Every structure is written in C-alpha cells, then in structure tokens.
PDB file of all heavy atoms in Angstrom:
ATOM      1  N   ILE A   1       0.917  -1.208   0.023  1.00  0.00           N
ATOM      2  CA  ILE A   1       0.035   0.001   0.053  1.00  0.00           C
ATOM      3  C   ILE A   1       0.892   1.229   0.006  1.00  0.00           C
ATOM      4  O   ILE A   1       1.907   1.304   0.773  1.00  0.00           O
ATOM      5  CB  ILE A   1      -0.917   0.032   1.240  1.00  0.00           C
ATOM      6  CG1 ILE A   1      -1.633  -1.322   1.367  1.00  0.00           C
ATOM      7  CG2 ILE A   1      -1.917   1.197   1.176  1.00  0.00           C
ATOM      8  CD1 ILE A   1      -2.343  -1.408   2.691  1.00  0.00           C
ATOM      9  N   SER A   2       0.599   2.231  -0.844  1.00  0.00           N
ATOM     10  CA  SER A   2       1.453   3.349  -0.924  1.00  0.00           C
ATOM     11  C   SER A   2       0.615   4.669  -1.077  1.00  0.00           C
ATOM     12  O   SER A   2      -0.434   4.663  -1.709  1.00  0.00           O
ATOM     13  CB  SER A   2       2.493   3.247  -2.130  1.00  0.00           C
ATOM     14  OG  SER A   2       3.219   4.350  -2.227  1.00  0.00           O
ATOM     15  N   ASP A   3       1.142   5.683  -0.378  1.00  0.00           N
ATOM     16  CA  ASP A   3       0.613   7.051  -0.615  1.00  0.00           C
ATOM     17  C   ASP A   3       1.170   7.532  -1.982  1.00  0.00           C
ATOM     18  O   ASP A   3       2.119   6.943  -2.527  1.00  0.00           O
ATOM     19  CB  ASP A   3       1.155   7.930   0.556  1.00  0.00           C
ATOM     20  CG  ASP A   3       0.471   9.328   0.556  1.00  0.00           C
ATOM     21  OD1 ASP A   3      -0.543   9.398  -0.153  1.00  0.00           O
ATOM     22  OD2 ASP A   3       0.904  10.176   1.270  1.00  0.00           O
ATOM     23  N   TYR A   4       0.660   8.672  -2.478  1.00  0.00           N
ATOM     24  CA  TYR A   4       1.062   9.197  -3.753  1.00  0.00           C
ATOM     25  C   TYR A   4       2.061  10.322  -3.536  1.00  0.00           C
ATOM     26  O   TYR A   4       3.209  10.267  -4.012  1.00  0.00           O
ATOM     27  CB  TYR A   4      -0.028   9.756  -4.546  1.00  0.00           C
ATOM     28  CG  TYR A   4       0.334  10.434  -5.740  1.00  0.00           C
ATOM     29  CD1 TYR A   4       0.876   9.755  -6.880  1.00  0.00           C
ATOM     30  CD2 TYR A   4       0.331  11.881  -5.859  1.00  0.00           C
ATOM     31  CE1 TYR A   4       1.318  10.546  -8.067  1.00  0.00           C
ATOM     32  CE2 TYR A   4       0.776  12.591  -6.907  1.00  0.00           C
ATOM     33  CZ  TYR A   4       1.239  11.909  -8.052  1.00  0.00           C
ATOM     34  OH  TYR A   4       1.648  12.569  -9.076  1.00  0.00           O
ATOM     35  N   ASP A   5       1.623  11.338  -2.791  1.00  0.00           N
ATOM     36  CA  ASP A   5       2.512  12.497  -2.600  1.00  0.00           C
ATOM     37  C   ASP A   5       3.504  12.355  -1.426  1.00  0.00           C
ATOM     38  O   ASP A   5       3.044  12.487  -0.275  1.00  0.00           O
ATOM     39  CB  ASP A   5       1.543  13.691  -2.376  1.00  0.00           C
ATOM     40  CG  ASP A   5       2.327  15.064  -2.626  1.00  0.00           C
ATOM     41  OD1 ASP A   5       3.403  15.004  -3.037  1.00  0.00           O
ATOM     42  OD2 ASP A   5       1.658  16.078  -2.337  1.00  0.00           O
ATOM     43  N   MET A   6       4.748  12.059  -1.800  1.00  0.00           N
ATOM     44  CA  MET A   6       5.785  11.803  -0.786  1.00  0.00           C
ATOM     45  C   MET A   6       7.028  12.523  -1.274  1.00  0.00           C
ATOM     46  O   MET A   6       7.275  12.661  -2.517  1.00  0.00           O
ATOM     47  CB  MET A   6       6.057  10.312  -0.585  1.00  0.00           C
ATOM     48  CG  MET A   6       4.799   9.533   0.135  1.00  0.00           C
ATOM     49  SD  MET A   6       5.212   7.814   0.322  1.00  0.00           S
ATOM     50  CE  MET A   6       5.325   7.250  -1.459  1.00  0.00           C
ATOM     51  N   PRO A   7       7.852  13.000  -0.354  1.00  0.00           N
ATOM     52  CA  PRO A   7       9.167  13.658  -0.741  1.00  0.00           C
ATOM     53  C   PRO A   7      10.072  12.690  -1.554  1.00  0.00           C
ATOM     54  O   PRO A   7       9.948  11.488  -1.311  1.00  0.00           O
ATOM     55  CB  PRO A   7       9.802  14.037   0.620  1.00  0.00           C
ATOM     56  CG  PRO A   7       8.627  13.956   1.640  1.00  0.00           C
ATOM     57  CD  PRO A   7       7.687  12.926   1.132  1.00  0.00           C
ATOM     58  N   GLY A   8      10.795  13.234  -2.451  1.00  0.00           N
ATOM     59  CA  GLY A   8      11.722  12.355  -3.171  1.00  0.00           C
ATOM     60  C   GLY A   8      10.907  11.721  -4.329  1.00  0.00           C
ATOM     61  O   GLY A   8      10.481  12.367  -5.308  1.00  0.00           O
ATOM     62  N   SER A   9      10.662  10.359  -4.240  1.00  0.00           N
ATOM     63  CA  SER A   9       9.847   9.689  -5.239  1.00  0.00           C
ATOM     64  C   SER A   9       8.446   9.619  -4.896  1.00  0.00           C
ATOM     65  O   SER A   9       8.078   9.330  -3.601  1.00  0.00           O
ATOM     66  CB  SER A   9      10.411   8.334  -5.398  1.00  0.00           C
ATOM     67  OG  SER A   9      11.754   8.311  -5.860  1.00  0.00           O
ATOM     68  N   ASN A  10       7.505   9.786  -5.786  1.00  0.00           N
ATOM     69  CA  ASN A  10       6.094   9.680  -5.396  1.00  0.00           C
ATOM     70  C   ASN A  10       5.596   8.261  -5.552  1.00  0.00           C
ATOM     71  O   ASN A  10       6.349   7.351  -5.920  1.00  0.00           O
ATOM     72  CB  ASN A  10       5.240  10.655  -6.305  1.00  0.00           C
ATOM     73  CG  ASN A  10       5.353  10.332  -7.761  1.00  0.00           C
ATOM     74  OD1 ASN A  10       5.443   9.216  -8.195  1.00  0.00           O
ATOM     75  ND2 ASN A  10       5.211  11.378  -8.570  1.00  0.00           N
ATOM     76  N   GLY A  11       4.275   8.092  -5.267  1.00  0.00           N
ATOM     77  CA  GLY A  11       3.681   6.686  -5.265  1.00  0.00           C
ATOM     78  C   GLY A  11       3.806   5.975  -6.654  1.00  0.00           C
ATOM     79  O   GLY A  11       3.955   4.902  -6.760  1.00  0.00           O
ATOM     80  N   ILE A  12       3.620   6.853  -7.737  1.00  0.00           N
ATOM     81  CA  ILE A  12       3.644   6.331  -9.108  1.00  0.00           C
ATOM     82  C   ILE A  12       5.074   5.790  -9.433  1.00  0.00           C
ATOM     83  O   ILE A  12       5.206   4.627 -10.016  1.00  0.00           O
ATOM     84  CB  ILE A  12       3.159   7.280 -10.209  1.00  0.00           C
ATOM     85  CG1 ILE A  12       1.772   7.760  -9.916  1.00  0.00           C
ATOM     86  CG2 ILE A  12       3.263   6.668 -11.610  1.00  0.00           C
ATOM     87  CD1 ILE A  12       0.783   6.609  -9.939  1.00  0.00           C
ATOM     88  N   GLU A  13       6.087   6.557  -9.090  1.00  0.00           N
ATOM     89  CA  GLU A  13       7.415   6.147  -9.311  1.00  0.00           C
ATOM     90  C   GLU A  13       7.750   4.929  -8.500  1.00  0.00           C
ATOM     91  O   GLU A  13       8.491   3.935  -8.916  1.00  0.00           O
ATOM     92  CB  GLU A  13       8.437   7.226  -8.958  1.00  0.00           C
ATOM     93  CG  GLU A  13       8.249   8.538  -9.916  1.00  0.00           C
ATOM     94  CD  GLU A  13       9.013   9.792  -9.385  1.00  0.00           C
ATOM     95  OE1 GLU A  13       9.220   9.740  -8.228  1.00  0.00           O
ATOM     96  OE2 GLU A  13       9.325  10.621 -10.206  1.00  0.00           O
ATOM     97  N   PHE A  14       7.307   4.848  -7.312  1.00  0.00           N
ATOM     98  CA  PHE A  14       7.427   3.620  -6.467  1.00  0.00           C
ATOM     99  C   PHE A  14       6.810   2.492  -7.104  1.00  0.00           C
ATOM    100  O   PHE A  14       7.379   1.337  -7.155  1.00  0.00           O
ATOM    101  CB  PHE A  14       6.845   4.014  -5.043  1.00  0.00           C
ATOM    102  CG  PHE A  14       6.935   2.833  -4.125  1.00  0.00           C
ATOM    103  CD1 PHE A  14       8.116   1.960  -4.099  1.00  0.00           C
ATOM    104  CD2 PHE A  14       5.977   2.541  -3.058  1.00  0.00           C
ATOM    105  CE1 PHE A  14       8.160   0.934  -3.210  1.00  0.00           C
ATOM    106  CE2 PHE A  14       6.039   1.529  -2.267  1.00  0.00           C
ATOM    107  CZ  PHE A  14       7.150   0.703  -2.262  1.00  0.00           C
ATOM    108  N   LEU A  15       5.587   2.694  -7.632  1.00  0.00           N
ATOM    109  CA  LEU A  15       4.864   1.570  -8.298  1.00  0.00           C
ATOM    110  C   LEU A  15       5.633   1.075  -9.506  1.00  0.00           C
ATOM    111  O   LEU A  15       5.792  -0.160  -9.717  1.00  0.00           O
ATOM    112  CB  LEU A  15       3.415   2.065  -8.703  1.00  0.00           C
ATOM    113  CG  LEU A  15       2.703   1.134  -9.684  1.00  0.00           C
ATOM    114  CD1 LEU A  15       2.381  -0.228  -9.013  1.00  0.00           C
ATOM    115  CD2 LEU A  15       1.342   1.840 -10.100  1.00  0.00           C
ATOM    116  N   GLU A  16       6.177   1.944 -10.354  1.00  0.00           N
ATOM    117  CA  GLU A  16       6.920   1.507 -11.463  1.00  0.00           C
ATOM    118  C   GLU A  16       8.188   0.695 -11.127  1.00  0.00           C
ATOM    119  O   GLU A  16       8.455  -0.282 -11.761  1.00  0.00           O
ATOM    120  CB  GLU A  16       7.341   2.738 -12.300  1.00  0.00           C
ATOM    121  CG  GLU A  16       6.157   3.466 -12.920  1.00  0.00           C
ATOM    122  CD  GLU A  16       6.538   4.810 -13.586  1.00  0.00           C
ATOM    123  OE1 GLU A  16       7.674   5.322 -13.266  1.00  0.00           O
ATOM    124  OE2 GLU A  16       5.742   5.354 -14.385  1.00  0.00           O
ATOM    125  N   THR A  17       8.853   1.142 -10.001  1.00  0.00           N
ATOM    126  CA  THR A  17      10.046   0.355  -9.645  1.00  0.00           C
ATOM    127  C   THR A  17       9.659  -0.995  -9.067  1.00  0.00           C
ATOM    128  O   THR A  17      10.287  -2.025  -9.357  1.00  0.00           O
ATOM    129  CB  THR A  17      10.710   1.196  -8.474  1.00  0.00           C
ATOM    130  OG1 THR A  17      11.077   2.472  -8.885  1.00  0.00           O
ATOM    131  CG2 THR A  17      12.028   0.391  -8.019  1.00  0.00           C
ATOM    132  N   VAL A  18       8.556  -1.091  -8.317  1.00  0.00           N
ATOM    133  CA  VAL A  18       8.030  -2.313  -7.783  1.00  0.00           C
ATOM    134  C   VAL A  18       7.677  -3.259  -8.947  1.00  0.00           C
ATOM    135  O   VAL A  18       7.962  -4.483  -8.938  1.00  0.00           O
ATOM    136  CB  VAL A  18       6.819  -2.139  -6.865  1.00  0.00           C
ATOM    137  CG1 VAL A  18       6.224  -3.528  -6.490  1.00  0.00           C
ATOM    138  CG2 VAL A  18       7.286  -1.447  -5.624  1.00  0.00           C
ATOM    139  N   ARG A  19       6.987  -2.743 -10.026  1.00  0.00           N
ATOM    140  CA  ARG A  19       6.661  -3.587 -11.122  1.00  0.00           C
ATOM    141  C   ARG A  19       7.826  -4.050 -11.837  1.00  0.00           C
ATOM    142  O   ARG A  19       7.723  -5.226 -12.486  1.00  0.00           O
ATOM    143  CB  ARG A  19       5.695  -2.750 -12.026  1.00  0.00           C
ATOM    144  CG  ARG A  19       4.311  -2.663 -11.621  1.00  0.00           C
ATOM    145  CD  ARG A  19       3.569  -4.019 -11.638  1.00  0.00           C
ATOM    146  NE  ARG A  19       2.301  -3.998 -10.978  1.00  0.00           N
ATOM    147  CZ  ARG A  19       2.115  -4.463  -9.740  1.00  0.00           C
ATOM    148  NH1 ARG A  19       3.141  -5.056  -9.108  1.00  0.00           N
ATOM    149  NH2 ARG A  19       0.871  -4.514  -9.205  1.00  0.00           N
ATOM    150  N   GLU A  20       8.919  -3.258 -11.902  1.00  0.00           N
ATOM    151  CA  GLU A  20      10.173  -3.826 -12.589  1.00  0.00           C
ATOM    152  C   GLU A  20      10.762  -4.934 -11.860  1.00  0.00           C
ATOM    153  O   GLU A  20      11.295  -5.892 -12.443  1.00  0.00           O
ATOM    154  CB  GLU A  20      11.155  -2.609 -12.699  1.00  0.00           C
ATOM    155  CG  GLU A  20      10.734  -1.544 -13.722  1.00  0.00           C
ATOM    156  CD  GLU A  20      11.754  -0.368 -13.658  1.00  0.00           C
ATOM    157  OE1 GLU A  20      12.721  -0.469 -12.913  1.00  0.00           O
ATOM    158  OE2 GLU A  20      11.537   0.545 -14.427  1.00  0.00           O
ATOM    159  N   ARG A  21      10.634  -4.939 -10.527  1.00  0.00           N
ATOM    160  CA  ARG A  21      11.368  -5.851  -9.733  1.00  0.00           C
ATOM    161  C   ARG A  21      10.490  -7.105  -9.250  1.00  0.00           C
ATOM    162  O   ARG A  21      10.906  -8.162  -9.125  1.00  0.00           O
ATOM    163  CB  ARG A  21      12.070  -5.206  -8.473  1.00  0.00           C
ATOM    164  CG  ARG A  21      13.004  -4.187  -8.913  1.00  0.00           C
ATOM    165  CD  ARG A  21      13.609  -3.518  -7.631  1.00  0.00           C
ATOM    166  NE  ARG A  21      14.502  -2.366  -7.871  1.00  0.00           N
ATOM    167  CZ  ARG A  21      15.072  -1.704  -7.005  1.00  0.00           C
ATOM    168  NH1 ARG A  21      14.909  -1.909  -5.676  1.00  0.00           N
ATOM    169  NH2 ARG A  21      15.902  -0.610  -7.367  1.00  0.00           N
ATOM    170  N   TYR A  22       9.217  -6.624  -8.924  1.00  0.00           N
ATOM    171  CA  TYR A  22       8.291  -7.615  -8.365  1.00  0.00           C
ATOM    172  C   TYR A  22       6.983  -7.512  -9.133  1.00  0.00           C
ATOM    173  O   TYR A  22       5.964  -7.000  -8.592  1.00  0.00           O
ATOM    174  CB  TYR A  22       8.060  -7.421  -6.838  1.00  0.00           C
ATOM    175  CG  TYR A  22       9.306  -7.102  -6.065  1.00  0.00           C
ATOM    176  CD1 TYR A  22       9.661  -5.805  -5.845  1.00  0.00           C
ATOM    177  CD2 TYR A  22      10.161  -8.127  -5.647  1.00  0.00           C
ATOM    178  CE1 TYR A  22      10.786  -5.562  -5.028  1.00  0.00           C
ATOM    179  CE2 TYR A  22      11.288  -7.861  -4.908  1.00  0.00           C
ATOM    180  CZ  TYR A  22      11.585  -6.616  -4.624  1.00  0.00           C
ATOM    181  OH  TYR A  22      12.786  -6.328  -3.934  1.00  0.00           O
ATOM    182  N   ASP A  23       6.882  -7.981 -10.335  1.00  0.00           N
ATOM    183  CA  ASP A  23       5.718  -7.676 -11.186  1.00  0.00           C
ATOM    184  C   ASP A  23       4.377  -8.401 -10.750  1.00  0.00           C
ATOM    185  O   ASP A  23       3.363  -8.027 -11.217  1.00  0.00           O
ATOM    186  CB  ASP A  23       5.990  -8.091 -12.699  1.00  0.00           C
ATOM    187  CG  ASP A  23       6.310  -9.605 -12.762  1.00  0.00           C
ATOM    188  OD1 ASP A  23       6.525 -10.248 -11.764  1.00  0.00           O
ATOM    189  OD2 ASP A  23       6.307 -10.058 -13.932  1.00  0.00           O
ATOM    190  N   ASP A  24       4.511  -9.308  -9.825  1.00  0.00           N
ATOM    191  CA  ASP A  24       3.287 -10.026  -9.479  1.00  0.00           C
ATOM    192  C   ASP A  24       2.675  -9.724  -8.150  1.00  0.00           C
ATOM    193  O   ASP A  24       1.668 -10.213  -7.747  1.00  0.00           O
ATOM    194  CB  ASP A  24       3.508 -11.533  -9.582  1.00  0.00           C
ATOM    195  CG  ASP A  24       4.580 -11.983  -8.593  1.00  0.00           C
ATOM    196  OD1 ASP A  24       5.319 -11.151  -8.115  1.00  0.00           O
ATOM    197  OD2 ASP A  24       4.661 -13.178  -8.292  1.00  0.00           O
ATOM    198  N   ILE A  25       3.340  -8.799  -7.404  1.00  0.00           N
ATOM    199  CA  ILE A  25       2.790  -8.420  -6.100  1.00  0.00           C
ATOM    200  C   ILE A  25       1.717  -7.430  -6.198  1.00  0.00           C
ATOM    201  O   ILE A  25       1.743  -6.453  -6.954  1.00  0.00           O
ATOM    202  CB  ILE A  25       4.026  -7.871  -5.190  1.00  0.00           C
ATOM    203  CG1 ILE A  25       3.483  -7.654  -3.764  1.00  0.00           C
ATOM    204  CG2 ILE A  25       4.522  -6.645  -5.754  1.00  0.00           C
ATOM    205  CD1 ILE A  25       4.643  -7.324  -2.816  1.00  0.00           C
ATOM    206  N   PRO A  26       0.550  -7.573  -5.574  1.00  0.00           N
ATOM    207  CA  PRO A  26      -0.515  -6.549  -5.619  1.00  0.00           C
ATOM    208  C   PRO A  26      -0.095  -5.247  -5.021  1.00  0.00           C
ATOM    209  O   PRO A  26       0.637  -5.147  -3.957  1.00  0.00           O
ATOM    210  CB  PRO A  26      -1.607  -7.218  -4.678  1.00  0.00           C
ATOM    211  CG  PRO A  26      -1.283  -8.716  -4.719  1.00  0.00           C
ATOM    212  CD  PRO A  26       0.186  -8.828  -4.820  1.00  0.00           C
ATOM    213  N   PHE A  27      -0.482  -4.146  -5.679  1.00  0.00           N
ATOM    214  CA  PHE A  27      -0.094  -2.810  -5.240  1.00  0.00           C
ATOM    215  C   PHE A  27      -1.352  -1.950  -5.237  1.00  0.00           C
ATOM    216  O   PHE A  27      -2.050  -1.781  -6.192  1.00  0.00           O
ATOM    217  CB  PHE A  27       0.993  -2.274  -6.277  1.00  0.00           C
ATOM    218  CG  PHE A  27       1.691  -0.988  -5.810  1.00  0.00           C
ATOM    219  CD1 PHE A  27       2.969  -1.089  -5.377  1.00  0.00           C
ATOM    220  CD2 PHE A  27       1.038   0.151  -5.794  1.00  0.00           C
ATOM    221  CE1 PHE A  27       3.651   0.088  -4.979  1.00  0.00           C
ATOM    222  CE2 PHE A  27       1.703   1.327  -5.338  1.00  0.00           C
ATOM    223  CZ  PHE A  27       2.998   1.354  -4.964  1.00  0.00           C
ATOM    224  N   ILE A  28      -1.651  -1.249  -4.026  1.00  0.00           N
ATOM    225  CA  ILE A  28      -2.751  -0.495  -3.898  1.00  0.00           C
ATOM    226  C   ILE A  28      -2.240   0.934  -3.612  1.00  0.00           C
ATOM    227  O   ILE A  28      -1.456   1.158  -2.746  1.00  0.00           O
ATOM    228  CB  ILE A  28      -3.668  -0.944  -2.786  1.00  0.00           C
ATOM    229  CG1 ILE A  28      -4.189  -2.340  -3.002  1.00  0.00           C
ATOM    230  CG2 ILE A  28      -4.854   0.027  -2.606  1.00  0.00           C
ATOM    231  CD1 ILE A  28      -5.000  -2.927  -1.876  1.00  0.00           C
ATOM    232  N   LEU A  29      -2.721   1.885  -4.504  1.00  0.00           N
ATOM    233  CA  LEU A  29      -2.369   3.309  -4.314  1.00  0.00           C
ATOM    234  C   LEU A  29      -3.460   3.906  -3.368  1.00  0.00           C
ATOM    235  O   LEU A  29      -4.628   3.973  -3.723  1.00  0.00           O
ATOM    236  CB  LEU A  29      -2.309   4.018  -5.637  1.00  0.00           C
ATOM    237  CG  LEU A  29      -1.625   5.394  -5.576  1.00  0.00           C
ATOM    238  CD1 LEU A  29      -0.155   5.198  -5.165  1.00  0.00           C
ATOM    239  CD2 LEU A  29      -1.703   6.064  -6.974  1.00  0.00           C
ATOM    240  N   PHE A  30      -3.123   4.287  -2.143  1.00  0.00           N
ATOM    241  CA  PHE A  30      -4.012   4.751  -1.136  1.00  0.00           C
ATOM    242  C   PHE A  30      -3.601   6.234  -0.825  1.00  0.00           C
ATOM    243  O   PHE A  30      -2.586   6.418  -0.057  1.00  0.00           O
ATOM    244  CB  PHE A  30      -3.865   3.927   0.150  1.00  0.00           C
ATOM    245  CG  PHE A  30      -4.886   4.279   1.217  1.00  0.00           C
ATOM    246  CD1 PHE A  30      -6.233   4.483   0.995  1.00  0.00           C
ATOM    247  CD2 PHE A  30      -4.419   4.410   2.513  1.00  0.00           C
ATOM    248  CE1 PHE A  30      -7.125   4.844   2.045  1.00  0.00           C
ATOM    249  CE2 PHE A  30      -5.205   4.767   3.535  1.00  0.00           C
ATOM    250  CZ  PHE A  30      -6.649   4.983   3.343  1.00  0.00           C
ATOM    251  N   THR A  31      -4.204   7.155  -1.402  1.00  0.00           N
ATOM    252  CA  THR A  31      -3.654   8.524  -1.435  1.00  0.00           C
ATOM    253  C   THR A  31      -4.748   9.534  -1.151  1.00  0.00           C
ATOM    254  O   THR A  31      -5.869   9.337  -1.448  1.00  0.00           O
ATOM    255  CB  THR A  31      -3.042   8.827  -2.820  1.00  0.00           C
ATOM    256  OG1 THR A  31      -2.594  10.142  -2.888  1.00  0.00           O
ATOM    257  CG2 THR A  31      -4.001   8.558  -4.036  1.00  0.00           C
ATOM    258  N   GLY A  32      -4.247  10.588  -0.581  1.00  0.00           N
ATOM    259  CA  GLY A  32      -5.230  11.738  -0.295  1.00  0.00           C
ATOM    260  C   GLY A  32      -5.276  12.700  -1.466  1.00  0.00           C
ATOM    261  O   GLY A  32      -6.163  13.568  -1.611  1.00  0.00           O
ATOM    262  N   LYS A  33      -4.312  12.566  -2.399  1.00  0.00           N
ATOM    263  CA  LYS A  33      -4.221  13.416  -3.618  1.00  0.00           C
ATOM    264  C   LYS A  33      -4.872  12.707  -4.708  1.00  0.00           C
ATOM    265  O   LYS A  33      -4.268  12.094  -5.578  1.00  0.00           O
ATOM    266  CB  LYS A  33      -2.849  13.854  -3.942  1.00  0.00           C
ATOM    267  CG  LYS A  33      -2.706  14.847  -5.099  1.00  0.00           C
ATOM    268  CD  LYS A  33      -1.216  15.260  -5.310  1.00  0.00           C
ATOM    269  CE  LYS A  33      -1.273  16.281  -6.400  1.00  0.00           C
ATOM    270  NZ  LYS A  33       0.203  16.801  -6.653  1.00  0.00           N
ATOM    271  N   GLY A  34      -6.198  12.697  -4.798  1.00  0.00           N
ATOM    272  CA  GLY A  34      -6.910  12.020  -5.866  1.00  0.00           C
ATOM    273  C   GLY A  34      -7.262  12.841  -7.033  1.00  0.00           C
ATOM    274  O   GLY A  34      -7.735  13.977  -6.899  1.00  0.00           O
TER     275      GLY A  34
END
C-alpha cells in the first residue's frame, strides 16, 4: 500500500520500480491526492 504525494519519489514512481522488480505483487495506491 502506498501514498502518492511523498518527498523524493512519489507513489507512481514507487509503483513503477516495484513492477520492474516484483511484477506479480498486488499494489494499492491509497492517497489523499486523488
């Protein structure tokens, strides 16, 4: 589970990195910046 708006890398960049390394793990974007 990841927030979107975070210092450094945001949730989308985090998601892209996770998909490159762990493509089958479920990823939920749980964010206040919708």
